[in-house]
Amino acid sequence: MVVDYKKNGRVAIITLNRPEVLNAINAELGHELNEAMKDFRDDPNLWVCIITGAGEKAFSAGADIRGFRPGPREATIAVERVRADQIWKPFIAAIHGYCLGGGLELTLTCDLRIAADNARFGLPEIKVGVIPAGGGMSRLPRFIPRAKAAEILLMGQFIDAEEAYRIGLINKVVPRDQLMTTATQWAEAICDAGPLQTRAVKEVMIRGYNMPLDDSLRLEREIADRIRNSEDFLEGTRAFVEKRKPQWKGK
């Protein structure tokens, strides 16, 4: 297995597990990652997912270029794509070492990004005759200033964790030995909130991002009305009044 998939209570942990090649993404890893993400999406007992990489050197160095072939991309990587930003449950990327190419593109689909202090980020595809067509060219300029995105994209430039934090690419930098502890703490903090509510917030953030403001506000109201008709809405308000911890059902 080149993807290690574990369930720890409400939290799923997906680990890219090809450390001997810096967790490079080939068709096998892409398929197993896809299957793990579908299982997380469809399991009502799982509320948050952490994605990380095995070993000490890399989250992922990107696509395994040894598998590249000329021709359409679909003919090279015939894998059904299930993206983290198509699943309304929250995703946390726990990043260490090299986070390059397709590895960085994977983290850009996550909602929160925590980096170890040894992390290095980049989209170096342009230097090996390809382009970052897994979302890097489209997402990166949306997440950080366009001029900084251009440096990374046009020159294949690497940046370290502190620079990634400074420009807003990641949420937090922590010592390497605290990476998974911090990611787990963040996942548990999300689980303290109602699962329907966190999914609603993510849905509005993503769907509303490219909408005109009035349309996004209308979407907010529609989803808020849906939440107000849930069991968890009643439980949350009752728990607040009764000064106790709510018992969420996800219903």
C-alpha atoms as a PDB file:
ATOM      1  CA  MET A   1       0.000   0.000   0.000  1.00  0.00           C
ATOM      2  CA  VAL A   2       1.407   3.371  -0.985  1.00  0.00           C
ATOM      3  CA  VAL A   3      -1.246   5.281   0.952  1.00  0.00           C
ATOM      4  CA  ASP A   4      -1.710   4.622   4.661  1.00  0.00           C
ATOM      5  CA  TYR A   5      -5.309   5.358   5.690  1.00  0.00           C
ATOM      6  CA  LYS A   6      -6.270   5.336   9.366  1.00  0.00           C
ATOM      7  CA  LYS A   7      -9.313   6.348  11.368  1.00  0.00           C
ATOM      8  CA  ASN A   8      -8.874   7.780  14.850  1.00  0.00           C
ATOM      9  CA  GLY A   9     -12.290   8.562  16.277  1.00  0.00           C
ATOM     10  CA  ARG A  10     -13.783  11.353  14.174  1.00  0.00           C
ATOM     11  CA  VAL A  11     -10.465  12.068  12.450  1.00  0.00           C
ATOM     12  CA  ALA A  12      -9.094  10.338   9.347  1.00  0.00           C
ATOM     13  CA  ILE A  13      -5.351  10.421   8.635  1.00  0.00           C
ATOM     14  CA  ILE A  14      -4.139   9.883   5.072  1.00  0.00           C
ATOM     15  CA  THR A  15      -0.376   9.377   4.741  1.00  0.00           C
ATOM     16  CA  LEU A  16       1.354   9.356   1.353  1.00  0.00           C
ATOM     17  CA  ASN A  17       3.653   6.382   1.806  1.00  0.00           C
ATOM     18  CA  ARG A  18       6.445   6.263  -0.766  1.00  0.00           C
ATOM     19  CA  PRO A  19       9.230   7.802   1.329  1.00  0.00           C
ATOM     20  CA  GLU A  20      11.952   6.135  -0.740  1.00  0.00           C
ATOM     21  CA  VAL A  21      10.995   8.447  -3.654  1.00  0.00           C
ATOM     22  CA  LEU A  22       9.961  11.451  -1.514  1.00  0.00           C
ATOM     23  CA  ASN A  23       6.301  10.381  -1.706  1.00  0.00           C
ATOM     24  CA  ALA A  24       6.205  11.107  -5.425  1.00  0.00           C
ATOM     25  CA  ILE A  25       2.715  10.679  -6.857  1.00  0.00           C
ATOM     26  CA  ASN A  26       2.292   7.927  -9.437  1.00  0.00           C
ATOM     27  CA  ALA A  27      -0.877   6.274 -10.762  1.00  0.00           C
ATOM     28  CA  GLU A  28      -0.954   3.734  -7.914  1.00  0.00           C
ATOM     29  CA  LEU A  29      -0.676   6.392  -5.225  1.00  0.00           C
ATOM     30  CA  GLY A  30      -3.232   8.564  -7.016  1.00  0.00           C
ATOM     31  CA  HIS A  31      -5.687   5.677  -7.111  1.00  0.00           C
ATOM     32  CA  GLU A  32      -5.240   4.770  -3.437  1.00  0.00           C
ATOM     33  CA  LEU A  33      -5.463   8.422  -2.399  1.00  0.00           C
ATOM     34  CA  ASN A  34      -8.666   8.745  -4.377  1.00  0.00           C
ATOM     35  CA  GLU A  35     -10.167   5.672  -2.700  1.00  0.00           C
ATOM     36  CA  ALA A  36      -9.218   6.914   0.775  1.00  0.00           C
ATOM     37  CA  MET A  37     -10.772  10.301   0.115  1.00  0.00           C
ATOM     38  CA  LYS A  38     -13.994   8.713  -1.135  1.00  0.00           C
ATOM     39  CA  ASP A  39     -14.173   6.578   1.999  1.00  0.00           C
ATOM     40  CA  PHE A  40     -13.648   9.660   4.171  1.00  0.00           C
ATOM     41  CA  ARG A  41     -16.309  11.548   2.226  1.00  0.00           C
ATOM     42  CA  ASP A  42     -18.864   8.756   2.596  1.00  0.00           C
ATOM     43  CA  ASP A  43     -18.213   7.724   6.227  1.00  0.00           C
ATOM     44  CA  PRO A  44     -20.651   9.648   8.469  1.00  0.00           C
ATOM     45  CA  ASN A  45     -18.492   8.925  11.526  1.00  0.00           C
ATOM     46  CA  LEU A  46     -15.516  10.858  10.102  1.00  0.00           C
ATOM     47  CA  TRP A  47     -15.606  14.643  10.385  1.00  0.00           C
ATOM     48  CA  VAL A  48     -12.060  15.902   9.625  1.00  0.00           C
ATOM     49  CA  CYS A  49      -9.173  14.570   7.544  1.00  0.00           C
ATOM     50  CA  ILE A  50      -5.429  15.156   7.968  1.00  0.00           C
ATOM     51  CA  ILE A  51      -3.176  14.549   4.950  1.00  0.00           C
ATOM     52  CA  THR A  52       0.564  14.137   5.466  1.00  0.00           C
ATOM     53  CA  GLY A  53       3.612  12.340   4.057  1.00  0.00           C
ATOM     54  CA  ALA A  54       5.676   9.438   5.384  1.00  0.00           C
ATOM     55  CA  GLY A  55       9.362   9.744   6.248  1.00  0.00           C
ATOM     56  CA  GLU A  56      11.410  12.773   7.191  1.00  0.00           C
ATOM     57  CA  LYS A  57      12.299  14.312   3.839  1.00  0.00           C
ATOM     58  CA  ALA A  58       9.046  15.198   2.121  1.00  0.00           C
ATOM     59  CA  PHE A  59       5.317  15.665   2.243  1.00  0.00           C
ATOM     60  CA  SER A  60       5.500  14.956  -1.487  1.00  0.00           C
ATOM     61  CA  ALA A  61       7.992  15.943  -4.162  1.00  0.00           C
ATOM     62  CA  GLY A  62       5.183  15.947  -6.724  1.00  0.00           C
ATOM     63  CA  ALA A  63       4.366  13.739  -9.666  1.00  0.00           C
ATOM     64  CA  ASP A  64       6.675  10.823 -10.397  1.00  0.00           C
ATOM     65  CA  ILE A  65       8.129  12.035 -13.696  1.00  0.00           C
ATOM     66  CA  ARG A  66       9.372   8.529 -14.509  1.00  0.00           C
ATOM     67  CA  GLY A  67       5.787   7.744 -15.425  1.00  0.00           C
ATOM     68  CA  PHE A  68       5.348  10.711 -17.771  1.00  0.00           C
ATOM     69  CA  ARG A  69       4.426   9.975 -21.392  1.00  0.00           C
ATOM     70  CA  PRO A  70       3.678  12.281 -24.334  1.00  0.00           C
ATOM     71  CA  GLY A  71       0.036  12.894 -25.167  1.00  0.00           C
ATOM     72  CA  PRO A  72      -3.081  13.982 -23.297  1.00  0.00           C
ATOM     73  CA  ARG A  73      -2.818  13.943 -19.512  1.00  0.00           C
ATOM     74  CA  GLU A  74      -5.872  11.708 -19.204  1.00  0.00           C
ATOM     75  CA  ALA A  75      -4.061   8.985 -21.098  1.00  0.00           C
ATOM     76  CA  THR A  76      -1.151   9.176 -18.668  1.00  0.00           C
ATOM     77  CA  ILE A  77      -3.037   9.317 -15.364  1.00  0.00           C
ATOM     78  CA  ALA A  78      -6.333   7.494 -15.797  1.00  0.00           C
ATOM     79  CA  VAL A  79      -7.517   8.067 -12.230  1.00  0.00           C
ATOM     80  CA  GLU A  80     -10.895   9.384 -11.119  1.00  0.00           C
ATOM     81  CA  ARG A  81     -10.254  12.600  -9.250  1.00  0.00           C
ATOM     82  CA  VAL A  82     -11.877  13.297  -5.894  1.00  0.00           C
ATOM     83  CA  ARG A  83     -10.553  16.599  -4.574  1.00  0.00           C
ATOM     84  CA  ALA A  84     -10.544  17.863  -1.019  1.00  0.00           C
ATOM     85  CA  ASP A  85     -12.213  21.074  -2.156  1.00  0.00           C
ATOM     86  CA  GLN A  86     -15.119  19.067  -3.575  1.00  0.00           C
ATOM     87  CA  ILE A  87     -15.793  17.468  -0.183  1.00  0.00           C
ATOM     88  CA  TRP A  88     -17.441  19.734   2.363  1.00  0.00           C
ATOM     89  CA  LYS A  89     -15.753  18.041   5.335  1.00  0.00           C
ATOM     90  CA  PRO A  90     -12.631  19.975   6.445  1.00  0.00           C
ATOM     91  CA  PHE A  91      -9.114  18.905   5.406  1.00  0.00           C
ATOM     92  CA  ILE A  92      -5.843  19.778   7.140  1.00  0.00           C
ATOM     93  CA  ALA A  93      -2.510  19.395   5.342  1.00  0.00           C
ATOM     94  CA  ALA A  94       0.383  18.575   7.706  1.00  0.00           C
ATOM     95  CA  ILE A  95       3.453  19.454   5.649  1.00  0.00           C
ATOM     96  CA  HIS A  96       7.133  18.730   6.216  1.00  0.00           C
ATOM     97  CA  GLY A  97      10.200  18.694   4.002  1.00  0.00           C
ATOM     98  CA  TYR A  98       9.680  19.080   0.273  1.00  0.00           C
ATOM     99  CA  CYS A  99       6.180  20.052  -0.814  1.00  0.00           C
ATOM    100  CA  LEU A 100       6.564  20.437  -4.548  1.00  0.00           C
ATOM    101  CA  GLY A 101       4.558  20.195  -7.733  1.00  0.00           C
ATOM    102  CA  GLY A 102       1.592  17.900  -7.345  1.00  0.00           C
ATOM    103  CA  GLY A 103       2.286  17.708  -3.621  1.00  0.00           C
ATOM    104  CA  LEU A 104       1.808  21.457  -3.253  1.00  0.00           C
ATOM    105  CA  GLU A 105      -1.211  21.298  -5.541  1.00  0.00           C
ATOM    106  CA  LEU A 106      -2.718  18.670  -3.235  1.00  0.00           C
ATOM    107  CA  THR A 107      -2.264  20.920  -0.200  1.00  0.00           C
ATOM    108  CA  LEU A 108      -3.880  23.825  -2.072  1.00  0.00           C
ATOM    109  CA  THR A 109      -7.131  21.834  -2.145  1.00  0.00           C
ATOM    110  CA  CYS A 110      -7.046  21.552   1.668  1.00  0.00           C
ATOM    111  CA  ASP A 111      -8.685  24.068   3.971  1.00  0.00           C
ATOM    112  CA  LEU A 112      -5.861  24.491   6.489  1.00  0.00           C
ATOM    113  CA  ARG A 113      -2.112  24.071   5.993  1.00  0.00           C
ATOM    114  CA  ILE A 114       0.307  23.550   8.886  1.00  0.00           C
ATOM    115  CA  ALA A 115       4.008  23.341   8.038  1.00  0.00           C
ATOM    116  CA  ALA A 116       7.032  22.058   9.885  1.00  0.00           C
ATOM    117  CA  ASP A 117       9.943  24.471  10.045  1.00  0.00           C
ATOM    118  CA  ASN A 118      11.877  22.329   7.533  1.00  0.00           C
ATOM    119  CA  ALA A 119       9.206  22.593   4.815  1.00  0.00           C
ATOM    120  CA  ARG A 120      10.045  23.914   1.347  1.00  0.00           C
ATOM    121  CA  PHE A 121       7.405  24.782  -1.228  1.00  0.00           C
ATOM    122  CA  GLY A 122       7.563  25.093  -4.995  1.00  0.00           C
ATOM    123  CA  LEU A 123       6.091  24.345  -8.409  1.00  0.00           C
ATOM    124  CA  PRO A 124       9.224  23.449 -10.393  1.00  0.00           C
ATOM    125  CA  GLU A 125       7.445  21.734 -13.309  1.00  0.00           C
ATOM    126  CA  ILE A 126       8.467  24.501 -15.719  1.00  0.00           C
ATOM    127  CA  LYS A 127      12.090  23.402 -15.321  1.00  0.00           C
ATOM    128  CA  VAL A 128      11.415  19.860 -16.552  1.00  0.00           C
ATOM    129  CA  GLY A 129       9.342  20.699 -19.615  1.00  0.00           C
ATOM    130  CA  VAL A 130       5.835  20.564 -18.145  1.00  0.00           C
ATOM    131  CA  ILE A 131       3.492  22.932 -16.342  1.00  0.00           C
ATOM    132  CA  PRO A 132       1.678  22.636 -12.967  1.00  0.00           C
ATOM    133  CA  ALA A 133      -1.672  21.619 -14.443  1.00  0.00           C
ATOM    134  CA  GLY A 134      -3.026  19.985 -11.306  1.00  0.00           C
ATOM    135  CA  GLY A 135      -4.479  23.277 -10.129  1.00  0.00           C
ATOM    136  CA  GLY A 136      -1.261  25.110  -9.272  1.00  0.00           C
ATOM    137  CA  MET A 137      -1.597  27.762 -11.950  1.00  0.00           C
ATOM    138  CA  SER A 138      -5.241  28.433 -11.085  1.00  0.00           C
ATOM    139  CA  ARG A 139      -5.237  28.183  -7.287  1.00  0.00           C
ATOM    140  CA  LEU A 140      -1.909  29.711  -6.266  1.00  0.00           C
ATOM    141  CA  PRO A 141      -2.684  33.245  -7.591  1.00  0.00           C
ATOM    142  CA  ARG A 142      -6.001  33.060  -5.726  1.00  0.00           C
ATOM    143  CA  PHE A 143      -4.344  32.234  -2.403  1.00  0.00           C
ATOM    144  CA  ILE A 144      -1.316  34.542  -2.384  1.00  0.00           C
ATOM    145  CA  PRO A 145      -0.388  37.840  -4.087  1.00  0.00           C
ATOM    146  CA  ARG A 146      -0.185  37.395  -7.848  1.00  0.00           C
ATOM    147  CA  ALA A 147       3.375  38.724  -8.030  1.00  0.00           C
ATOM    148  CA  LYS A 148       4.563  36.114  -5.516  1.00  0.00           C
ATOM    149  CA  ALA A 149       2.665  33.412  -7.377  1.00  0.00           C
ATOM    150  CA  ALA A 150       4.427  34.505 -10.563  1.00  0.00           C
ATOM    151  CA  GLU A 151       7.847  34.081  -8.919  1.00  0.00           C
ATOM    152  CA  ILE A 152       7.001  30.546  -7.891  1.00  0.00           C
ATOM    153  CA  LEU A 153       5.332  29.594 -11.171  1.00  0.00           C
ATOM    154  CA  LEU A 154       7.517  31.312 -13.773  1.00  0.00           C
ATOM    155  CA  MET A 155      10.910  30.607 -12.206  1.00  0.00           C
ATOM    156  CA  GLY A 156      10.172  27.350 -10.443  1.00  0.00           C
ATOM    157  CA  GLN A 157      11.309  29.131  -7.300  1.00  0.00           C
ATOM    158  CA  PHE A 158      11.299  27.404  -3.895  1.00  0.00           C
ATOM    159  CA  ILE A 159      10.273  29.176  -0.697  1.00  0.00           C
ATOM    160  CA  ASP A 160      10.758  28.076   2.907  1.00  0.00           C
ATOM    161  CA  ALA A 161       8.142  27.713   5.616  1.00  0.00           C
ATOM    162  CA  GLU A 162       8.619  31.196   7.067  1.00  0.00           C
ATOM    163  CA  GLU A 163       8.178  32.840   3.666  1.00  0.00           C
ATOM    164  CA  ALA A 164       5.144  30.645   2.953  1.00  0.00           C
ATOM    165  CA  TYR A 165       3.635  31.838   6.238  1.00  0.00           C
ATOM    166  CA  ARG A 166       4.520  35.476   5.539  1.00  0.00           C
ATOM    167  CA  ILE A 167       2.686  35.497   2.208  1.00  0.00           C
ATOM    168  CA  GLY A 168      -0.322  33.606   3.558  1.00  0.00           C
ATOM    169  CA  LEU A 169       0.228  30.261   1.845  1.00  0.00           C
ATOM    170  CA  ILE A 170       0.141  28.374   5.157  1.00  0.00           C
ATOM    171  CA  ASN A 171      -1.598  28.933   8.488  1.00  0.00           C
ATOM    172  CA  LYS A 172       1.163  28.081  10.949  1.00  0.00           C
ATOM    173  CA  VAL A 173       4.811  26.997  11.252  1.00  0.00           C
ATOM    174  CA  VAL A 174       5.741  24.554  14.007  1.00  0.00           C
ATOM    175  CA  PRO A 175       8.841  22.518  14.938  1.00  0.00           C
ATOM    176  CA  ARG A 176       9.020  19.261  12.995  1.00  0.00           C
ATOM    177  CA  ASP A 177       8.366  17.106  16.059  1.00  0.00           C
ATOM    178  CA  GLN A 178       5.166  19.034  16.817  1.00  0.00           C
ATOM    179  CA  LEU A 179       3.625  18.817  13.339  1.00  0.00           C
ATOM    180  CA  MET A 180       1.209  15.916  13.773  1.00  0.00           C
ATOM    181  CA  THR A 181       0.417  16.880  17.360  1.00  0.00           C
ATOM    182  CA  THR A 182      -0.617  20.339  16.180  1.00  0.00           C
ATOM    183  CA  ALA A 183      -2.597  18.990  13.219  1.00  0.00           C
ATOM    184  CA  THR A 184      -4.431  16.587  15.524  1.00  0.00           C
ATOM    185  CA  GLN A 185      -5.210  19.384  17.986  1.00  0.00           C
ATOM    186  CA  TRP A 186      -6.643  21.484  15.168  1.00  0.00           C
ATOM    187  CA  ALA A 187      -8.714  18.538  13.921  1.00  0.00           C
ATOM    188  CA  GLU A 188     -10.091  17.950  17.412  1.00  0.00           C
ATOM    189  CA  ALA A 189     -10.922  21.647  17.750  1.00  0.00           C
ATOM    190  CA  ILE A 190     -12.938  21.437  14.523  1.00  0.00           C
ATOM    191  CA  CYS A 191     -14.705  18.332  15.864  1.00  0.00           C
ATOM    192  CA  ASP A 192     -15.838  20.354  18.879  1.00  0.00           C
ATOM    193  CA  ALA A 193     -18.093  22.289  16.506  1.00  0.00           C
ATOM    194  CA  GLY A 194     -21.158  20.797  14.864  1.00  0.00           C
ATOM    195  CA  PRO A 195     -20.232  18.764  11.771  1.00  0.00           C
ATOM    196  CA  LEU A 196     -23.149  20.103   9.749  1.00  0.00           C
ATOM    197  CA  GLN A 197     -22.100  23.628  10.606  1.00  0.00           C
ATOM    198  CA  THR A 198     -18.441  23.181   9.640  1.00  0.00           C
ATOM    199  CA  ARG A 199     -19.458  21.618   6.338  1.00  0.00           C
ATOM    200  CA  ALA A 200     -21.875  24.467   5.679  1.00  0.00           C
ATOM    201  CA  VAL A 201     -19.145  27.044   6.344  1.00  0.00           C
ATOM    202  CA  LYS A 202     -16.751  25.281   3.962  1.00  0.00           C
ATOM    203  CA  GLU A 203     -19.419  24.994   1.277  1.00  0.00           C
ATOM    204  CA  VAL A 204     -20.217  28.713   1.402  1.00  0.00           C
ATOM    205  CA  MET A 205     -16.536  29.681   1.406  1.00  0.00           C
ATOM    206  CA  ILE A 206     -15.788  27.597  -1.686  1.00  0.00           C
ATOM    207  CA  ARG A 207     -18.996  28.008  -3.680  1.00  0.00           C
ATOM    208  CA  GLY A 208     -19.330  31.675  -2.797  1.00  0.00           C
ATOM    209  CA  TYR A 209     -15.729  32.633  -3.580  1.00  0.00           C
ATOM    210  CA  ASN A 210     -16.314  33.426  -7.248  1.00  0.00           C
ATOM    211  CA  MET A 211     -19.923  34.553  -6.883  1.00  0.00           C
ATOM    212  CA  PRO A 212     -21.024  38.192  -6.860  1.00  0.00           C
ATOM    213  CA  LEU A 213     -21.501  39.248  -3.240  1.00  0.00           C
ATOM    214  CA  ASP A 214     -25.297  39.307  -3.442  1.00  0.00           C
ATOM    215  CA  ASP A 215     -25.339  35.735  -4.786  1.00  0.00           C
ATOM    216  CA  SER A 216     -22.973  34.564  -2.064  1.00  0.00           C
ATOM    217  CA  LEU A 217     -25.129  36.211   0.615  1.00  0.00           C
ATOM    218  CA  ARG A 218     -28.169  34.474  -0.862  1.00  0.00           C
ATOM    219  CA  LEU A 219     -26.322  31.153  -0.665  1.00  0.00           C
ATOM    220  CA  GLU A 220     -25.479  31.883   2.978  1.00  0.00           C
ATOM    221  CA  ARG A 221     -29.138  32.412   3.800  1.00  0.00           C
ATOM    222  CA  GLU A 222     -30.233  29.261   1.995  1.00  0.00           C
ATOM    223  CA  ILE A 223     -27.714  27.106   3.822  1.00  0.00           C
ATOM    224  CA  ALA A 224     -28.406  28.829   7.151  1.00  0.00           C
ATOM    225  CA  ASP A 225     -32.096  27.959   6.761  1.00  0.00           C
ATOM    226  CA  ARG A 226     -31.131  24.349   6.104  1.00  0.00           C
ATOM    227  CA  ILE A 227     -28.980  24.264   9.242  1.00  0.00           C
ATOM    228  CA  ARG A 228     -31.770  25.768  11.358  1.00  0.00           C
ATOM    229  CA  ASN A 229     -33.928  22.753  10.515  1.00  0.00           C
ATOM    230  CA  SER A 230     -31.358  20.244  11.786  1.00  0.00           C
ATOM    231  CA  GLU A 231     -31.261  18.323  15.055  1.00  0.00           C
ATOM    232  CA  ASP A 232     -27.776  19.671  15.706  1.00  0.00           C
ATOM    233  CA  PHE A 233     -29.048  23.262  15.570  1.00  0.00           C
ATOM    234  CA  LEU A 234     -31.493  22.496  18.379  1.00  0.00           C
ATOM    235  CA  GLU A 235     -28.847  20.579  20.326  1.00  0.00           C
ATOM    236  CA  GLY A 236     -26.298  23.382  20.015  1.00  0.00           C
ATOM    237  CA  THR A 237     -28.666  26.077  21.208  1.00  0.00           C
ATOM    238  CA  ARG A 238     -29.948  23.932  24.081  1.00  0.00           C
ATOM    239  CA  ALA A 239     -26.428  23.038  25.168  1.00  0.00           C
ATOM    240  CA  PHE A 240     -25.478  26.716  25.214  1.00  0.00           C
ATOM    241  CA  VAL A 241     -28.452  27.617  27.399  1.00  0.00           C
ATOM    242  CA  GLU A 242     -27.842  24.618  29.675  1.00  0.00           C
ATOM    243  CA  LYS A 243     -24.101  25.370  29.890  1.00  0.00           C
ATOM    244  CA  ARG A 244     -23.004  21.930  28.758  1.00  0.00           C
ATOM    245  CA  LYS A 245     -21.021  20.445  25.894  1.00  0.00           C
ATOM    246  CA  PRO A 246     -23.248  19.637  22.908  1.00  0.00           C
ATOM    247  CA  GLN A 247     -23.642  16.057  21.723  1.00  0.00           C
ATOM    248  CA  TRP A 248     -23.527  16.350  17.962  1.00  0.00           C
ATOM    249  CA  LYS A 249     -25.248  13.767  15.753  1.00  0.00           C
ATOM    250  CA  GLY A 250     -24.500  15.190  12.341  1.00  0.00           C
ATOM    251  CA  LYS A 251     -28.233  15.300  11.610  1.00  0.00           C
END
